[in-house]
Structures are given as structure tokens and as C-alpha cells.
Amino acid sequence: MHCKKTIAAIISLLLLFPVAANAGTFEDGVFAYEHKDYVTAAKMFRLVARRGDSHAQFNLGLMYDLGLGVNRDYKEAVKWYRFSADQGYTKSQLHLGLMYAYGKGVFRDYSRAHMWFSNAASFSQDYAEQSRYNLEKKMSRVDIGKAQKMRWRCRTSNYKNC
């Protein structure tokens, strides 16, 4: 009987170990980033991003966007920005807008860029509002209308149909 209790205790500790090992990895990522250890920062952010943390997803997207600690990969940046943006994280929405406006990692799509800028601007992202305004100068009224419909569908679906 004593052996079964010992085995149960060991199994319990092993199940808890991964949680304890990953505790604080976002903060570790920030610390590494601030100390220009970008490889470690990317590893730490990836651990937390895979668990759905929108801040870590944004940071990882930014690292792929800039090529810090990872090979520059715009498609991978878009992927992580989208995960974060789908949770309503405005910085990711702004960066997704930029990716669509410049065709980085995606096909250039002014309507989709406008939609993401509009989503970010509605939550006090001044740069997003200015970016949307500048983009409208390049767009037709039809394209702006399309972007507004896309934004409505995106917002009413809680960012699931963007």
C-alpha cells in the first residue's frame, strides 16, 4: 500500500512539473528581450503564445516581423499577429493592418488593412487611425465600403470572421 502512495505522489509531482517549469516564461521573455537576448526571448514567448496569451503572440509576431532571435518570416509574423488580433489585442490589429497595407506575408489588400486599422483605432490606437486615413487616399469608395462591411462582420463575430 505504501508503494502505491509513493507512486501516486511521484506521478502528481511529475504532472505539476511542466506547469512549474513554464511559470514566469512571459516575464523571462521580456527580461531576455530587454537584455537583447532575442533567441531566448523568442523561445519564452513561443511557450506562452502556444497557450493562447495574446501579448506573447504579439511579441512573437513582432520578432518574426523584425527578424529578432528568429529568421525574418512575414507569414509567420502574420500568423501570430492574427492569433492575438482575434482576441481583440489592438497592437496586433494595427500590425496586421500594416502587413495587409504593404503586402508583407499576405497579398496586399487595402480593404482588409482598413478593417484592421479601424478595429485598432476604435480602441485608441492613434497610429491606426492615421494609417487608416492615409490608406483611404489610395482606396475607392467601393473598397472603403467593403472594408466597413468586413469590419462590421469581424466585430460582430468577436473577431472570428475577419
C-alpha atoms as a PDB file:
ATOM      1  CA  MET A   1       0.000   0.000   0.000  1.00  0.00           C
ATOM      2  CA  HIS A   2       2.858   2.340   0.867  1.00  0.00           C
ATOM      3  CA  CYS A   3       4.346   1.739  -2.609  1.00  0.00           C
ATOM      4  CA  LYS A   4       1.074   2.801  -4.316  1.00  0.00           C
ATOM      5  CA  LYS A   5       1.015   6.054  -2.306  1.00  0.00           C
ATOM      6  CA  THR A   6       4.624   6.777  -3.238  1.00  0.00           C
ATOM      7  CA  ILE A   7       3.946   6.136  -6.922  1.00  0.00           C
ATOM      8  CA  ALA A   8       0.843   8.337  -6.788  1.00  0.00           C
ATOM      9  CA  ALA A   9       2.871  11.125  -5.147  1.00  0.00           C
ATOM     10  CA  ILE A  10       5.601  10.872  -7.790  1.00  0.00           C
ATOM     11  CA  ILE A  11       3.044  10.951 -10.628  1.00  0.00           C
ATOM     12  CA  SER A  12       1.411  14.014  -9.052  1.00  0.00           C
ATOM     13  CA  LEU A  13       4.755  15.789  -8.884  1.00  0.00           C
ATOM     14  CA  LEU A  14       5.570  14.903 -12.484  1.00  0.00           C
ATOM     15  CA  LEU A  15       2.217  16.263 -13.647  1.00  0.00           C
ATOM     16  CA  LEU A  16       2.872  19.529 -11.831  1.00  0.00           C
ATOM     17  CA  PHE A  17       6.453  19.898 -13.063  1.00  0.00           C
ATOM     18  CA  PRO A  18       5.686  21.214 -16.588  1.00  0.00           C
ATOM     19  CA  VAL A  19       3.474  23.925 -15.101  1.00  0.00           C
ATOM     20  CA  ALA A  20       6.159  24.964 -12.640  1.00  0.00           C
ATOM     21  CA  ALA A  21       8.844  24.848 -15.334  1.00  0.00           C
ATOM     22  CA  ASN A  22       6.843  27.225 -17.559  1.00  0.00           C
ATOM     23  CA  ALA A  23       5.843  29.618 -14.787  1.00  0.00           C
ATOM     24  CA  GLY A  24       7.004  33.136 -15.488  1.00  0.00           C
ATOM     25  CA  THR A  25       8.134  32.455 -19.049  1.00  0.00           C
ATOM     26  CA  PHE A  26       6.460  35.630 -20.341  1.00  0.00           C
ATOM     27  CA  GLU A  27       8.389  37.694 -17.820  1.00  0.00           C
ATOM     28  CA  ASP A  28      11.524  35.726 -18.682  1.00  0.00           C
ATOM     29  CA  GLY A  29      10.884  36.570 -22.329  1.00  0.00           C
ATOM     30  CA  VAL A  30      10.529  40.265 -21.547  1.00  0.00           C
ATOM     31  CA  PHE A  31      13.716  40.164 -19.464  1.00  0.00           C
ATOM     32  CA  ALA A  32      15.630  38.415 -22.261  1.00  0.00           C
ATOM     33  CA  TYR A  33      14.257  40.841 -24.859  1.00  0.00           C
ATOM     34  CA  GLU A  34      15.238  43.867 -22.770  1.00  0.00           C
ATOM     35  CA  HIS A  35      18.749  42.419 -22.482  1.00  0.00           C
ATOM     36  CA  LYS A  36      18.912  41.800 -26.246  1.00  0.00           C
ATOM     37  CA  ASP A  37      18.920  38.009 -25.868  1.00  0.00           C
ATOM     38  CA  TYR A  38      16.408  37.669 -28.670  1.00  0.00           C
ATOM     39  CA  VAL A  39      16.808  33.911 -29.181  1.00  0.00           C
ATOM     40  CA  THR A  40      15.822  33.240 -25.562  1.00  0.00           C
ATOM     41  CA  ALA A  41      13.062  35.842 -25.734  1.00  0.00           C
ATOM     42  CA  ALA A  42      11.552  34.144 -28.797  1.00  0.00           C
ATOM     43  CA  LYS A  43      11.666  30.745 -27.068  1.00  0.00           C
ATOM     44  CA  MET A  44       9.981  32.102 -23.948  1.00  0.00           C
ATOM     45  CA  PHE A  45       7.300  33.990 -25.887  1.00  0.00           C
ATOM     46  CA  ARG A  46       6.618  30.910 -28.032  1.00  0.00           C
ATOM     47  CA  LEU A  47       5.939  28.806 -24.933  1.00  0.00           C
ATOM     48  CA  VAL A  48       3.383  31.285 -23.653  1.00  0.00           C
ATOM     49  CA  ALA A  49       1.973  32.130 -27.102  1.00  0.00           C
ATOM     50  CA  ARG A  50       1.124  28.479 -27.743  1.00  0.00           C
ATOM     51  CA  ARG A  51      -1.008  28.577 -24.604  1.00  0.00           C
ATOM     52  CA  GLY A  52      -3.024  31.429 -26.125  1.00  0.00           C
ATOM     53  CA  ASP A  53      -1.559  34.524 -24.444  1.00  0.00           C
ATOM     54  CA  SER A  54      -2.306  37.462 -26.788  1.00  0.00           C
ATOM     55  CA  HIS A  55       0.611  39.578 -25.512  1.00  0.00           C
ATOM     56  CA  ALA A  56       3.114  36.781 -26.120  1.00  0.00           C
ATOM     57  CA  GLN A  57       1.553  36.100 -29.535  1.00  0.00           C
ATOM     58  CA  PHE A  58       2.005  39.758 -30.470  1.00  0.00           C
ATOM     59  CA  ASN A  59       5.602  39.792 -29.223  1.00  0.00           C
ATOM     60  CA  LEU A  60       6.420  36.627 -31.151  1.00  0.00           C
ATOM     61  CA  GLY A  61       4.798  38.077 -34.277  1.00  0.00           C
ATOM     62  CA  LEU A  62       6.890  41.205 -33.876  1.00  0.00           C
ATOM     63  CA  MET A  63      10.060  39.150 -33.526  1.00  0.00           C
ATOM     64  CA  TYR A  64       9.290  37.311 -36.782  1.00  0.00           C
ATOM     65  CA  ASP A  65       8.364  40.607 -38.425  1.00  0.00           C
ATOM     66  CA  LEU A  66      11.697  42.187 -37.465  1.00  0.00           C
ATOM     67  CA  GLY A  67      13.866  39.050 -37.567  1.00  0.00           C
ATOM     68  CA  LEU A  68      14.900  39.277 -33.916  1.00  0.00           C
ATOM     69  CA  GLY A  69      16.033  35.931 -32.481  1.00  0.00           C
ATOM     70  CA  VAL A  70      14.377  34.116 -35.387  1.00  0.00           C
ATOM     71  CA  ASN A  71      14.689  34.246 -39.157  1.00  0.00           C
ATOM     72  CA  ARG A  72      12.552  37.047 -40.553  1.00  0.00           C
ATOM     73  CA  ASP A  73       9.351  35.417 -41.744  1.00  0.00           C
ATOM     74  CA  TYR A  74       6.423  37.666 -42.578  1.00  0.00           C
ATOM     75  CA  LYS A  75       3.972  34.779 -42.968  1.00  0.00           C
ATOM     76  CA  GLU A  76       4.847  33.537 -39.503  1.00  0.00           C
ATOM     77  CA  ALA A  77       4.515  37.093 -38.170  1.00  0.00           C
ATOM     78  CA  VAL A  78       1.043  37.361 -39.715  1.00  0.00           C
ATOM     79  CA  LYS A  79       0.061  34.036 -38.142  1.00  0.00           C
ATOM     80  CA  TRP A  80       0.977  35.175 -34.625  1.00  0.00           C
ATOM     81  CA  TYR A  81      -0.469  38.665 -35.107  1.00  0.00           C
ATOM     82  CA  ARG A  82      -3.733  37.065 -36.233  1.00  0.00           C
ATOM     83  CA  PHE A  83      -3.937  34.777 -33.188  1.00  0.00           C
ATOM     84  CA  SER A  84      -3.526  37.825 -30.982  1.00  0.00           C
ATOM     85  CA  ALA A  85      -5.772  40.127 -33.035  1.00  0.00           C
ATOM     86  CA  ASP A  86      -8.546  37.534 -32.932  1.00  0.00           C
ATOM     87  CA  GLN A  87      -8.543  38.031 -29.165  1.00  0.00           C
ATOM     88  CA  GLY A  88      -9.001  41.782 -29.616  1.00  0.00           C
ATOM     89  CA  TYR A  89      -5.398  42.812 -28.938  1.00  0.00           C
ATOM     90  CA  THR A  90      -5.192  46.205 -30.667  1.00  0.00           C
ATOM     91  CA  LYS A  91      -1.433  46.284 -31.245  1.00  0.00           C
ATOM     92  CA  SER A  92      -1.754  43.081 -33.249  1.00  0.00           C
ATOM     93  CA  GLN A  93      -4.705  44.516 -35.151  1.00  0.00           C
ATOM     94  CA  LEU A  94      -2.613  47.549 -36.048  1.00  0.00           C
ATOM     95  CA  HIS A  95       0.301  45.377 -37.188  1.00  0.00           C
ATOM     96  CA  LEU A  96      -1.996  43.130 -39.219  1.00  0.00           C
ATOM     97  CA  GLY A  97      -3.282  46.252 -40.924  1.00  0.00           C
ATOM     98  CA  LEU A  98       0.282  47.206 -41.772  1.00  0.00           C
ATOM     99  CA  MET A  99       1.033  43.726 -43.121  1.00  0.00           C
ATOM    100  CA  TYR A 100      -2.006  43.912 -45.446  1.00  0.00           C
ATOM    101  CA  ALA A 101      -1.283  47.519 -46.444  1.00  0.00           C
ATOM    102  CA  TYR A 102       2.269  46.653 -47.519  1.00  0.00           C
ATOM    103  CA  GLY A 103       1.694  43.071 -48.652  1.00  0.00           C
ATOM    104  CA  LYS A 104       4.115  41.579 -46.133  1.00  0.00           C
ATOM    105  CA  GLY A 105       3.395  37.869 -45.626  1.00  0.00           C
ATOM    106  CA  VAL A 106      -0.019  38.281 -47.283  1.00  0.00           C
ATOM    107  CA  PHE A 107      -1.329  39.660 -50.539  1.00  0.00           C
ATOM    108  CA  ARG A 108      -1.729  43.428 -50.387  1.00  0.00           C
ATOM    109  CA  ASP A 109      -5.357  44.102 -49.532  1.00  0.00           C
ATOM    110  CA  TYR A 110      -6.298  47.679 -48.710  1.00  0.00           C
ATOM    111  CA  SER A 111      -9.830  46.747 -47.646  1.00  0.00           C
ATOM    112  CA  ARG A 112      -8.564  44.204 -45.125  1.00  0.00           C
ATOM    113  CA  ALA A 113      -5.867  46.643 -43.949  1.00  0.00           C
ATOM    114  CA  HIS A 114      -8.552  49.298 -43.486  1.00  0.00           C
ATOM    115  CA  MET A 115     -10.668  46.857 -41.473  1.00  0.00           C
ATOM    116  CA  TRP A 116      -7.792  46.041 -39.110  1.00  0.00           C
ATOM    117  CA  PHE A 117      -6.843  49.716 -38.752  1.00  0.00           C
ATOM    118  CA  SER A 118     -10.476  50.523 -37.958  1.00  0.00           C
ATOM    119  CA  ASN A 119     -10.637  47.805 -35.306  1.00  0.00           C
ATOM    120  CA  ALA A 120      -7.445  49.072 -33.685  1.00  0.00           C
ATOM    121  CA  ALA A 121      -8.492  52.732 -33.962  1.00  0.00           C
ATOM    122  CA  SER A 122     -11.766  52.069 -32.161  1.00  0.00           C
ATOM    123  CA  PHE A 123      -9.700  51.229 -29.086  1.00  0.00           C
ATOM    124  CA  SER A 124      -7.498  54.347 -29.022  1.00  0.00           C
ATOM    125  CA  GLN A 125      -4.668  53.410 -31.341  1.00  0.00           C
ATOM    126  CA  ASP A 126      -3.901  56.859 -32.794  1.00  0.00           C
ATOM    127  CA  TYR A 127      -1.375  55.477 -35.263  1.00  0.00           C
ATOM    128  CA  ALA A 128      -4.036  53.081 -36.562  1.00  0.00           C
ATOM    129  CA  GLU A 129      -6.448  55.960 -37.134  1.00  0.00           C
ATOM    130  CA  GLN A 130      -3.791  57.925 -39.029  1.00  0.00           C
ATOM    131  CA  SER A 131      -2.840  54.822 -41.038  1.00  0.00           C
ATOM    132  CA  ARG A 132      -6.482  54.253 -41.971  1.00  0.00           C
ATOM    133  CA  TYR A 133      -6.819  57.890 -43.039  1.00  0.00           C
ATOM    134  CA  ASN A 134      -3.693  57.678 -45.228  1.00  0.00           C
ATOM    135  CA  LEU A 135      -4.865  54.392 -46.722  1.00  0.00           C
ATOM    136  CA  GLU A 136      -8.273  55.842 -47.651  1.00  0.00           C
ATOM    137  CA  LYS A 137      -6.483  58.232 -50.020  1.00  0.00           C
ATOM    138  CA  LYS A 138      -5.488  55.168 -52.092  1.00  0.00           C
ATOM    139  CA  MET A 139      -8.903  53.481 -51.963  1.00  0.00           C
ATOM    140  CA  SER A 140     -12.128  53.844 -53.936  1.00  0.00           C
ATOM    141  CA  ARG A 141     -15.454  54.439 -52.188  1.00  0.00           C
ATOM    142  CA  VAL A 142     -16.427  50.870 -53.091  1.00  0.00           C
ATOM    143  CA  ASP A 143     -13.304  49.486 -51.414  1.00  0.00           C
ATOM    144  CA  ILE A 144     -13.904  51.614 -48.313  1.00  0.00           C
ATOM    145  CA  GLY A 145     -17.494  50.346 -48.168  1.00  0.00           C
ATOM    146  CA  LYS A 146     -16.215  46.780 -48.493  1.00  0.00           C
ATOM    147  CA  ALA A 147     -13.777  47.411 -45.637  1.00  0.00           C
ATOM    148  CA  GLN A 148     -16.545  48.792 -43.428  1.00  0.00           C
ATOM    149  CA  LYS A 149     -18.689  45.703 -44.052  1.00  0.00           C
ATOM    150  CA  MET A 150     -15.713  43.476 -43.260  1.00  0.00           C
ATOM    151  CA  ARG A 151     -15.134  45.395 -40.035  1.00  0.00           C
ATOM    152  CA  TRP A 152     -18.789  45.008 -39.012  1.00  0.00           C
ATOM    153  CA  ARG A 153     -18.676  41.236 -39.694  1.00  0.00           C
ATOM    154  CA  CYS A 154     -15.384  40.952 -37.827  1.00  0.00           C
ATOM    155  CA  ARG A 155     -16.554  42.878 -34.751  1.00  0.00           C
ATOM    156  CA  THR A 156     -19.999  41.231 -34.523  1.00  0.00           C
ATOM    157  CA  SER A 157     -18.403  37.785 -34.677  1.00  0.00           C
ATOM    158  CA  ASN A 158     -15.997  38.705 -31.858  1.00  0.00           C
ATOM    159  CA  TYR A 159     -13.077  38.593 -34.346  1.00  0.00           C
ATOM    160  CA  LYS A 160     -13.917  35.116 -35.646  1.00  0.00           C
ATOM    161  CA  ASN A 161     -14.834  36.182 -39.214  1.00  0.00           C
ATOM    162  CA  CYS A 162     -12.014  38.526 -40.049  1.00  0.00           C
END
